Protein backbone atom coordinates (compact mmCIF):
# COMPACT_ATOMS: atom_id res chain seq x y z
CA MET A 1 11.51 -106.87 -34.66
CA HIS A 2 12.44 -103.50 -36.15
CA ASN A 3 15.31 -101.61 -34.52
CA MET A 4 14.28 -98.66 -32.37
CA LEU A 5 16.30 -95.46 -32.51
CA VAL A 6 18.33 -94.81 -29.37
CA LYS A 7 16.66 -91.40 -28.92
CA ASP A 8 13.28 -93.19 -28.72
CA ALA A 9 14.60 -96.02 -26.55
CA VAL A 10 16.02 -93.74 -23.84
CA ALA A 11 12.67 -91.93 -23.67
CA ALA A 12 10.53 -95.11 -23.57
CA LYS A 13 8.89 -96.58 -20.48
CA PRO A 14 10.54 -99.58 -18.79
CA GLY A 15 9.15 -103.02 -19.53
CA LYS A 16 9.24 -102.82 -23.31
CA GLU A 17 10.91 -105.51 -25.42
CA LEU A 18 12.92 -103.89 -28.20
CA ALA A 19 15.97 -104.03 -30.45
CA ILE A 20 18.57 -101.36 -31.15
CA ALA A 21 21.64 -101.15 -33.38
CA GLY A 22 24.60 -98.83 -33.18
CA TRP A 23 28.28 -98.38 -32.47
CA ILE A 24 29.99 -99.03 -29.14
CA ARG A 25 31.18 -95.86 -27.44
CA THR A 26 32.51 -97.40 -24.23
CA LEU A 27 32.36 -100.78 -22.46
CA ARG A 28 33.52 -102.36 -19.25
CA SER A 29 33.22 -105.87 -17.90
CA SER A 30 32.95 -106.94 -14.25
CA LYS A 31 34.32 -110.03 -12.61
CA GLY A 32 30.77 -111.11 -11.84
CA GLY A 33 30.12 -111.96 -15.47
CA PHE A 34 28.45 -108.70 -16.56
CA SER A 35 29.41 -106.29 -19.34
CA PHE A 36 28.13 -102.72 -19.57
CA ILE A 37 28.11 -101.40 -23.14
CA ALA A 38 27.27 -97.82 -24.15
CA ILE A 39 25.65 -97.80 -27.61
CA ASN A 40 25.02 -94.77 -29.80
CA ASP A 41 23.37 -94.70 -33.22
CA GLY A 42 23.69 -90.98 -33.95
CA SER A 43 20.01 -90.18 -33.40
CA CYS A 44 20.82 -88.24 -30.22
CA LEU A 45 23.72 -87.23 -28.02
CA THR A 46 22.83 -89.74 -25.30
CA SER A 47 24.04 -93.33 -25.48
CA ILE A 48 21.99 -96.16 -24.05
CA GLN A 49 23.57 -98.60 -21.63
CA VAL A 50 23.27 -102.26 -22.53
CA VAL A 51 23.77 -104.87 -19.80
CA ALA A 52 24.99 -108.21 -21.16
CA ASP A 53 25.70 -111.19 -18.90
CA LYS A 54 27.47 -114.52 -19.13
CA ALA A 55 24.18 -116.36 -19.79
CA LEU A 56 24.41 -115.18 -23.43
CA ASP A 57 25.72 -117.85 -25.81
CA ASN A 58 28.42 -115.59 -27.24
CA TYR A 59 29.44 -113.86 -24.01
CA GLU A 60 32.82 -115.55 -23.64
CA SER A 61 33.58 -115.83 -27.35
CA GLN A 62 32.53 -112.37 -28.54
CA ILE A 63 31.12 -109.93 -26.00
CA LEU A 64 34.16 -109.98 -23.71
CA HIS A 65 36.30 -109.05 -26.72
CA LEU A 66 34.23 -106.13 -28.05
CA THR A 67 35.98 -102.79 -28.62
CA PRO A 68 34.87 -99.15 -29.08
CA GLY A 69 33.70 -98.51 -32.63
CA THR A 70 32.39 -102.04 -33.16
CA SER A 71 28.85 -102.14 -34.51
CA ILE A 72 26.32 -104.43 -32.81
CA GLU A 73 22.63 -105.19 -32.78
CA VAL A 74 21.01 -105.83 -29.39
CA SER A 75 17.61 -107.25 -28.44
CA GLY A 76 16.31 -107.25 -24.92
CA LYS A 77 14.07 -105.72 -22.29
CA LEU A 78 14.10 -102.10 -21.26
CA VAL A 79 14.29 -101.76 -17.48
CA GLU A 80 14.54 -98.91 -15.02
CA SER A 81 18.19 -98.11 -14.44
CA PRO A 82 19.65 -97.98 -10.92
CA ALA A 83 22.59 -95.94 -12.23
CA LYS A 84 22.69 -92.17 -11.80
CA GLY A 85 22.14 -90.04 -14.90
CA GLN A 86 20.11 -92.49 -16.96
CA HIS A 87 16.42 -93.31 -16.90
CA VAL A 88 16.53 -96.78 -18.45
CA GLU A 89 18.97 -99.46 -19.59
CA LEU A 90 18.60 -102.43 -21.91
CA HIS A 91 19.08 -105.92 -20.52
CA ALA A 92 20.25 -107.95 -23.50
CA SER A 93 18.72 -111.25 -24.53
CA SER A 94 20.94 -111.33 -27.63
CA VAL A 95 23.94 -109.40 -28.92
CA ARG A 96 24.88 -109.78 -32.58
CA VAL A 97 28.21 -108.42 -33.76
CA LEU A 98 27.96 -106.67 -37.14
CA GLY A 99 31.38 -105.14 -37.68
CA TYR A 100 34.49 -105.61 -35.54
CA VAL A 101 37.03 -102.86 -34.91
CA ASP A 102 40.71 -103.48 -34.23
CA ALA A 103 41.20 -101.34 -31.14
CA LYS A 104 44.90 -100.81 -31.85
CA LYS A 105 44.21 -99.33 -35.29
CA TYR A 106 40.95 -97.44 -34.70
CA PRO A 107 41.69 -93.67 -34.87
CA ILE A 108 38.72 -92.60 -32.71
CA GLN A 109 39.67 -93.76 -29.24
CA PRO A 110 37.39 -93.27 -26.19
CA LYS A 111 39.13 -90.05 -25.17
CA ARG A 112 39.07 -86.38 -26.04
CA HIS A 113 40.59 -85.63 -29.44
CA THR A 114 41.55 -82.19 -30.76
CA LEU A 115 39.46 -80.72 -33.56
CA GLU A 116 42.63 -80.39 -35.61
CA PHE A 117 43.25 -84.15 -35.39
CA LEU A 118 39.64 -84.96 -36.20
CA ARG A 119 39.88 -82.94 -39.44
CA THR A 120 42.34 -85.59 -40.60
CA GLN A 121 39.64 -88.20 -39.88
CA ALA A 122 36.67 -86.46 -41.50
CA HIS A 123 35.13 -89.80 -42.48
CA LEU A 124 35.09 -90.98 -38.84
CA ARG A 125 34.64 -87.74 -36.89
CA PRO A 126 30.81 -87.79 -37.06
CA ARG A 127 31.01 -90.67 -34.57
CA THR A 128 32.22 -88.23 -31.90
CA ASN A 129 29.85 -86.28 -29.67
CA THR A 130 30.86 -82.91 -31.09
CA PHE A 131 30.40 -83.73 -34.75
CA GLY A 132 27.24 -85.75 -34.19
CA ALA A 133 25.77 -82.71 -32.43
CA VAL A 134 26.93 -80.38 -35.23
CA ALA A 135 25.29 -82.63 -37.84
CA ARG A 136 21.98 -82.72 -35.97
CA VAL A 137 21.95 -78.93 -35.47
CA ARG A 138 22.87 -78.35 -39.12
CA SER A 139 20.03 -80.63 -40.24
CA THR A 140 17.54 -78.84 -37.99
CA VAL A 141 18.67 -75.41 -39.21
CA SER A 142 18.32 -76.52 -42.83
CA MET A 143 14.78 -77.74 -42.25
CA ALA A 144 13.94 -74.56 -40.32
CA ILE A 145 15.10 -72.51 -43.32
CA HIS A 146 12.77 -74.36 -45.68
CA GLU A 147 9.87 -74.24 -43.22
CA PHE A 148 10.32 -70.49 -42.70
CA PHE A 149 10.15 -69.62 -46.40
CA GLN A 150 7.54 -72.22 -47.34
CA SER A 151 5.22 -70.93 -44.60
CA ARG A 152 5.49 -67.44 -46.15
CA SER A 153 4.65 -68.52 -49.71
CA PHE A 154 8.20 -68.36 -51.04
CA ILE A 155 8.87 -70.69 -53.96
CA TYR A 156 12.00 -72.84 -53.72
CA ILE A 157 14.07 -72.75 -56.92
CA ASN A 158 17.30 -74.47 -57.94
CA THR A 159 19.77 -72.05 -59.47
CA PRO A 160 22.69 -73.34 -61.57
CA ILE A 161 25.98 -74.45 -60.03
CA ILE A 162 27.77 -73.75 -63.33
CA ALA A 163 27.68 -70.04 -64.12
CA ALA A 164 29.00 -67.81 -66.89
CA SER A 165 29.33 -64.64 -64.82
CA ASP A 166 30.68 -63.48 -61.47
CA CYS A 167 27.87 -62.18 -59.25
CA GLU A 168 30.21 -60.55 -56.74
CA GLY A 169 32.72 -59.19 -59.25
CA ALA A 170 35.65 -60.33 -57.10
CA GLY A 171 37.12 -62.68 -59.70
CA GLU A 172 37.74 -65.52 -57.22
CA LEU A 173 36.20 -68.25 -59.37
CA PHE A 174 36.78 -71.94 -60.01
CA ARG A 175 36.86 -72.53 -63.75
CA VAL A 176 34.79 -75.37 -65.26
CA THR A 177 36.33 -76.75 -68.43
CA CYS A 178 36.74 -79.89 -70.54
CA ILE A 179 39.75 -78.49 -72.40
CA ASP A 180 42.87 -80.65 -72.33
CA PRO A 181 45.31 -78.64 -70.19
CA ALA A 182 48.28 -80.26 -71.96
CA ASN A 183 47.07 -79.19 -75.41
CA PRO A 184 44.52 -76.36 -75.21
CA PRO A 185 43.12 -74.82 -78.40
CA ARG A 186 44.46 -71.33 -79.09
CA ASP A 187 42.96 -68.29 -80.79
CA SER A 188 44.81 -65.93 -83.12
CA GLN A 189 46.29 -64.04 -80.16
CA GLY A 190 47.60 -67.23 -78.59
CA SER A 191 45.06 -67.25 -75.73
CA VAL A 192 43.05 -70.34 -74.81
CA ASN A 193 40.07 -70.50 -77.16
CA TYR A 194 37.06 -71.29 -74.96
CA ALA A 195 34.79 -71.27 -77.98
CA ASN A 196 35.93 -74.86 -78.39
CA ASP A 197 35.08 -75.76 -74.79
CA PHE A 198 32.02 -77.72 -73.67
CA PHE A 199 29.78 -74.65 -73.21
CA GLY A 200 31.45 -72.62 -75.96
CA ARG A 201 32.55 -69.95 -73.50
CA PRO A 202 34.34 -69.59 -70.13
CA THR A 203 32.27 -71.02 -67.27
CA PHE A 204 32.78 -71.23 -63.52
CA LEU A 205 31.40 -72.68 -60.31
CA THR A 206 28.88 -70.20 -58.97
CA VAL A 207 29.61 -67.81 -56.11
CA SER A 208 25.91 -67.03 -55.68
CA GLY A 209 22.50 -67.90 -57.08
CA GLN A 210 21.29 -64.35 -56.60
CA LEU A 211 21.16 -63.13 -60.19
CA GLU A 212 19.18 -66.15 -61.36
CA ALA A 213 16.92 -65.89 -58.30
CA GLU A 214 16.17 -62.28 -59.26
CA ALA A 215 14.89 -63.51 -62.63
CA TYR A 216 12.41 -65.80 -60.92
CA ALA A 217 11.45 -63.22 -58.28
CA CYS A 218 10.58 -60.85 -61.14
CA ALA A 219 8.05 -63.43 -62.33
CA LEU A 220 6.91 -65.31 -59.21
CA GLY A 221 7.19 -62.62 -56.55
CA ARG A 222 8.92 -64.46 -53.69
CA VAL A 223 11.57 -67.11 -54.22
CA TYR A 224 14.57 -68.57 -52.44
CA THR A 225 17.49 -70.75 -53.39
CA PHE A 226 19.49 -72.94 -51.03
CA GLY A 227 22.57 -74.75 -52.25
CA PRO A 228 26.35 -74.96 -52.56
CA THR A 229 28.43 -71.99 -53.67
CA PHE A 230 32.15 -71.73 -54.37
CA ARG A 231 34.92 -69.19 -54.01
CA ALA A 232 38.56 -69.68 -55.05
CA GLU A 233 39.91 -67.47 -52.28
CA ASN A 234 43.39 -68.64 -51.27
CA SER A 235 42.73 -68.23 -47.56
CA ASN A 236 43.51 -70.63 -44.73
CA THR A 237 41.80 -68.67 -41.97
CA PRO A 238 39.21 -70.24 -39.62
CA HIS A 239 36.53 -68.16 -41.41
CA HIS A 240 36.84 -69.25 -45.06
CA LEU A 241 35.84 -72.27 -47.12
CA ALA A 242 36.18 -72.86 -50.84
CA GLU A 243 32.77 -74.63 -50.86
CA PHE A 244 29.92 -73.49 -48.65
CA TRP A 245 26.13 -73.39 -48.56
CA MET A 246 24.00 -70.30 -49.01
CA VAL A 247 20.31 -69.54 -48.61
CA GLU A 248 19.25 -66.57 -50.74
CA PRO A 249 15.70 -65.19 -50.78
CA GLU A 250 14.62 -62.62 -53.38
CA MET A 251 11.41 -60.58 -53.18
CA ALA A 252 9.74 -58.46 -55.85
CA PHE A 253 7.96 -55.27 -54.75
CA CYS A 254 10.18 -55.08 -51.66
CA ASP A 255 12.41 -52.23 -50.51
CA LEU A 256 15.38 -52.19 -48.13
CA ALA A 257 13.20 -51.78 -45.02
CA GLY A 258 11.10 -54.80 -45.96
CA ASN A 259 14.28 -56.76 -46.66
CA ALA A 260 15.61 -55.92 -43.19
CA ASP A 261 12.30 -56.90 -41.60
CA LEU A 262 12.43 -60.32 -43.26
CA ALA A 263 16.08 -60.88 -42.28
CA GLU A 264 15.32 -60.11 -38.63
CA GLU A 265 12.27 -62.36 -38.63
CA PHE A 266 14.31 -65.09 -40.33
CA LEU A 267 17.10 -65.13 -37.73
CA LYS A 268 14.62 -65.03 -34.85
CA SER A 269 12.77 -68.01 -36.32
CA ILE A 270 15.94 -70.11 -36.68
CA CYS A 271 17.05 -69.36 -33.11
CA THR A 272 13.61 -70.20 -31.73
CA THR A 273 13.53 -73.50 -33.62
CA ILE A 274 16.98 -74.57 -32.41
CA LEU A 275 16.12 -73.82 -28.79
CA ALA A 276 12.90 -75.81 -29.12
CA LYS A 277 14.27 -78.84 -30.99
CA CYS A 278 17.96 -79.18 -30.13
CA GLY A 279 18.00 -78.73 -26.37
CA GLU A 280 20.29 -81.66 -25.59
CA ASP A 281 22.85 -80.74 -28.24
CA MET A 282 22.80 -77.07 -27.25
CA GLU A 283 23.42 -78.01 -23.61
CA TYR A 284 26.43 -79.94 -24.85
CA PHE A 285 27.79 -76.95 -26.77
CA SER A 286 27.25 -74.66 -23.79
CA LYS A 287 29.57 -76.93 -21.81
CA GLN A 288 32.09 -77.75 -24.51
CA THR A 289 32.45 -74.68 -26.74
CA ASP A 290 30.87 -71.51 -25.33
CA LYS A 291 28.80 -71.22 -22.18
CA THR A 292 26.87 -68.26 -23.65
CA VAL A 293 25.42 -70.01 -26.73
CA ILE A 294 21.97 -70.74 -25.30
CA ASP A 295 21.55 -67.29 -23.75
CA THR A 296 22.73 -65.67 -26.99
CA LEU A 297 20.15 -67.56 -29.07
CA GLY A 298 17.43 -66.58 -26.62
CA HIS A 299 18.59 -62.96 -26.78
CA VAL A 300 18.45 -62.90 -30.57
CA ALA A 301 15.03 -64.56 -30.59
CA GLU A 302 13.52 -62.06 -28.14
CA LYS A 303 15.21 -58.68 -28.68
CA ASN A 304 14.45 -56.16 -31.40
CA PHE A 305 17.43 -55.59 -33.67
CA ALA A 306 19.02 -52.14 -33.67
CA ARG A 307 19.08 -50.35 -37.03
CA ILE A 308 21.65 -47.72 -38.00
CA THR A 309 23.30 -46.44 -41.16
CA TYR A 310 26.92 -47.10 -42.04
CA THR A 311 27.68 -43.39 -41.47
CA GLU A 312 26.14 -43.57 -37.98
CA ALA A 313 28.15 -46.72 -37.26
CA ILE A 314 31.39 -44.96 -38.22
CA SER A 315 30.57 -42.06 -35.89
CA LEU A 316 29.83 -44.42 -32.99
CA LEU A 317 33.09 -46.28 -33.52
CA GLU A 318 35.11 -43.07 -33.85
CA ASP A 319 33.64 -41.81 -30.57
CA ALA A 320 34.17 -45.10 -28.71
CA GLY A 321 37.64 -44.25 -27.45
CA GLN A 322 38.96 -47.64 -28.55
CA GLU A 323 42.29 -48.58 -30.08
CA TRP A 324 41.41 -50.55 -33.18
CA GLN A 325 43.56 -53.09 -34.96
CA TYR A 326 41.99 -51.84 -38.21
CA PRO A 327 41.42 -48.07 -38.48
CA VAL A 328 37.86 -46.76 -38.62
CA VAL A 329 37.58 -44.69 -41.79
CA TRP A 330 34.48 -43.69 -43.77
CA GLY A 331 34.70 -45.53 -47.08
CA LYS A 332 36.40 -48.62 -45.67
CA ASP A 333 34.56 -51.85 -44.88
CA LEU A 334 33.88 -52.63 -41.24
CA GLN A 335 35.97 -55.40 -39.70
CA THR A 336 34.82 -58.10 -37.30
CA GLU A 337 36.24 -56.19 -34.31
CA HIS A 338 34.07 -53.18 -35.23
CA GLU A 339 30.97 -55.29 -35.84
CA ARG A 340 31.33 -57.17 -32.56
CA PHE A 341 31.86 -53.93 -30.64
CA LEU A 342 28.60 -52.54 -32.03
CA THR A 343 26.61 -55.66 -31.14
CA GLU A 344 28.28 -56.60 -27.85
CA GLN A 345 29.23 -53.25 -26.32
CA ILE A 346 27.14 -50.43 -27.75
CA PHE A 347 23.72 -51.94 -28.54
CA LYS A 348 23.96 -55.33 -26.76
CA THR A 349 21.66 -56.74 -29.43
CA PRO A 350 21.93 -57.70 -33.11
CA VAL A 351 22.42 -54.71 -35.40
CA ILE A 352 21.35 -54.04 -38.97
CA ILE A 353 23.63 -51.56 -40.72
CA THR A 354 22.38 -49.99 -43.96
CA ASP A 355 23.54 -47.61 -46.70
CA TYR A 356 27.17 -48.54 -47.24
CA PRO A 357 29.55 -46.62 -49.53
CA ALA A 358 28.92 -47.55 -53.16
CA ALA A 359 32.63 -48.10 -53.80
CA ILE A 360 32.85 -51.13 -51.48
CA LYS A 361 29.67 -52.87 -52.61
CA PRO A 362 28.72 -54.81 -55.78
CA PHE A 363 27.23 -53.26 -58.90
CA TYR A 364 23.71 -54.64 -58.43
CA MET A 365 22.89 -52.68 -55.24
CA ARG A 366 20.54 -49.72 -55.65
CA LEU A 367 22.30 -46.37 -55.74
CA ASN A 368 21.21 -43.68 -53.28
CA ASP A 369 21.31 -39.96 -54.01
CA PRO A 370 24.55 -38.33 -52.79
CA ASP A 371 24.42 -37.21 -49.15
CA ALA A 372 25.05 -33.68 -47.86
CA ASP A 373 28.80 -34.24 -48.13
CA GLY A 374 28.55 -35.53 -51.69
CA ARG A 375 29.24 -39.12 -50.71
CA THR A 376 27.47 -41.89 -52.63
CA THR A 377 25.98 -44.88 -50.88
CA VAL A 378 23.90 -47.89 -51.87
CA ARG A 379 20.88 -49.52 -50.26
CA ALA A 380 22.89 -52.34 -48.77
CA MET A 381 22.43 -54.00 -45.41
CA ASP A 382 24.50 -56.22 -43.15
CA VAL A 383 23.01 -58.01 -40.16
CA LEU A 384 25.48 -58.32 -37.29
CA VAL A 385 25.27 -60.70 -34.33
CA PRO A 386 27.42 -61.18 -31.22
CA ARG A 387 30.58 -63.31 -31.45
CA ILE A 388 30.42 -63.56 -35.26
CA GLY A 389 29.80 -60.09 -36.64
CA GLU A 390 28.18 -60.12 -40.08
CA ILE A 391 25.89 -63.11 -40.58
CA ILE A 392 23.60 -61.79 -43.36
CA GLY A 393 24.39 -59.51 -46.28
CA GLY A 394 21.81 -58.10 -48.65
CA SER A 395 20.44 -55.10 -50.46
CA GLN A 396 17.67 -53.53 -52.43
CA ARG A 397 18.61 -54.31 -56.03
CA GLU A 398 19.14 -51.64 -58.67
CA GLU A 399 15.97 -51.71 -60.78
CA ARG A 400 16.84 -48.75 -63.05
CA LEU A 401 18.39 -49.88 -66.34
CA GLU A 402 20.59 -46.85 -67.04
CA THR A 403 21.94 -46.75 -63.50
CA LEU A 404 22.67 -50.47 -63.56
CA GLN A 405 24.53 -50.13 -66.88
CA GLN A 406 26.53 -47.23 -65.48
CA ARG A 407 27.52 -49.22 -62.39
CA MET A 408 28.54 -52.20 -64.53
CA ALA A 409 30.71 -49.98 -66.72
CA GLU A 410 32.35 -48.42 -63.65
CA GLY A 411 33.15 -51.92 -62.38
CA GLY A 412 34.67 -52.99 -65.69
CA LEU A 413 31.99 -55.64 -66.28
CA SER A 414 31.08 -56.77 -69.78
CA ALA A 415 27.54 -55.80 -70.77
CA GLU A 416 27.43 -58.88 -73.01
CA ASP A 417 27.88 -61.18 -70.01
CA TYR A 418 24.90 -59.62 -68.21
CA TRP A 419 22.52 -58.95 -71.12
CA TRP A 420 19.82 -61.16 -69.65
CA TYR A 421 20.19 -59.54 -66.21
CA ALA A 422 19.71 -56.12 -67.80
CA ASP A 423 16.60 -57.44 -69.57
CA LEU A 424 14.91 -57.75 -66.17
CA ARG A 425 15.10 -53.93 -66.04
CA ARG A 426 13.92 -53.52 -69.64
CA TYR A 427 10.77 -55.58 -69.31
CA GLY A 428 8.49 -54.82 -66.38
CA THR A 429 11.10 -53.74 -63.85
CA VAL A 430 10.08 -53.52 -60.19
CA PRO A 431 11.74 -52.61 -56.90
CA HIS A 432 13.11 -55.84 -55.44
CA SER A 433 15.39 -56.96 -52.64
CA GLY A 434 17.15 -59.98 -51.23
CA PHE A 435 19.87 -61.24 -48.94
CA GLY A 436 22.20 -64.17 -48.38
CA LEU A 437 22.91 -66.22 -45.27
CA GLY A 438 25.93 -68.51 -45.20
CA LEU A 439 24.79 -71.74 -43.56
CA GLU A 440 28.21 -72.48 -42.05
CA ARG A 441 28.46 -69.04 -40.43
CA ALA A 442 25.02 -69.60 -38.95
CA ILE A 443 26.09 -72.97 -37.53
CA GLN A 444 29.22 -71.36 -36.06
CA PHE A 445 27.07 -68.73 -34.39
CA ILE A 446 24.62 -71.27 -33.01
CA THR A 447 27.15 -73.80 -31.71
CA GLY A 448 30.00 -71.52 -30.67
CA ILE A 449 32.47 -73.56 -32.75
CA ALA A 450 35.33 -71.28 -33.76
CA ASN A 451 36.62 -72.88 -36.96
CA ILE A 452 34.35 -73.03 -39.99
CA ARG A 453 36.01 -76.29 -41.07
CA ASP A 454 34.25 -77.99 -38.15
CA VAL A 455 30.67 -77.11 -39.09
CA ILE A 456 30.59 -78.69 -42.58
CA PRO A 457 30.88 -82.45 -43.12
CA PHE A 458 33.85 -82.42 -45.52
CA PRO A 459 35.59 -79.02 -45.64
CA ARG A 460 37.13 -77.78 -48.86
CA THR A 461 40.05 -75.39 -48.29
CA PRO A 462 43.26 -74.58 -50.18
CA ARG A 463 45.26 -77.77 -50.76
CA SER A 464 42.71 -79.83 -48.84
CA ALA A 465 40.20 -82.09 -50.59
CA ASP A 466 41.15 -85.51 -49.26
CA PHE A 467 37.67 -86.86 -48.58
């Protein structure tokens, strides 16, 4: 008999003979010779209750000595449960022990643990309700991302993890090298000679697949990449990871307005999918992390997003009569407190802000003509949502060769490093746009979990790579 998933067993009709396998969450034994064992296999939040009695051959020798965390395989008959809160229970005809757990040494006890403690047990924390639910939601979001773009004729491409240039220009890169750090080759100036390295030049872990995705968008029209990205930012805040996942669509023949339309449609689609497919897990998060998570997802799925320019946003914030931790000044980036105020207090809906000052945005964003006050902006956009602030960042890309070269020079970037990127403007250039969504920020928004370390299986942060 093949094992049935617990999620299918708890939904099945009584009377069925079946087998399940999983890990013991809780158990209790009565003086009447019965043991009640809650089994979970990770397929759903709910555990199934197994009733084992003293008629079983191994009841006295094994079952009475079982502990939480022990893995077992159970065969038996599904019957209607007299207990409140469960539809069925499994009356065991056999219980086979697969892997014992020493209760005194097992770190995951049947009690509530802090998230901080569970980070020290990243290999075992998926056995808890919270991290099992996070994993299922993350999986569903990932599939929803692929389904969204595939249904709209986007082509999925795999951009390189090892890159020779910095897309964002921030310089926070992890170097990739095979050079012996104890005896590196030197050039005539005494600097490390990377011409002798594996790739013959300095290389790094990528911060974004955008530039390579643009190359494919300028040949295939609509593409997206979805994979790990890296940033060597020495930050230990609840909002930063050194390794995180990004989905990045790029569209040829698309301007900023079309980019914003797609971003809004994209977020609505994800929220709708989660509400439809992850009801049990979302009910759990509404009780354990933030009681507003379900209503917020419904709000995002149903409401039209507000759209304003950066200059309009500054005016609204200046007129709000608020005391800000970070001053509101034209030319400075908006902070989370400003973004949340716009979404939660002023518009009470997600907000798309466009046309940011050129000085605070990367070189590849399309330059606007100066405004009436002589200020220069770019066709950038940020999508803001309640509780999180910015969740998507994107832009219309600069398709004009001379303007792109000028922006690169102003940013101190080497034209040699981006020769192939400039070629996209030399040969058949077109207006094109794209954006990036950080998967972990999306999971934080959906689940209400505050620390980004708790929405990725094995977080990578400064001085933390134990697992």
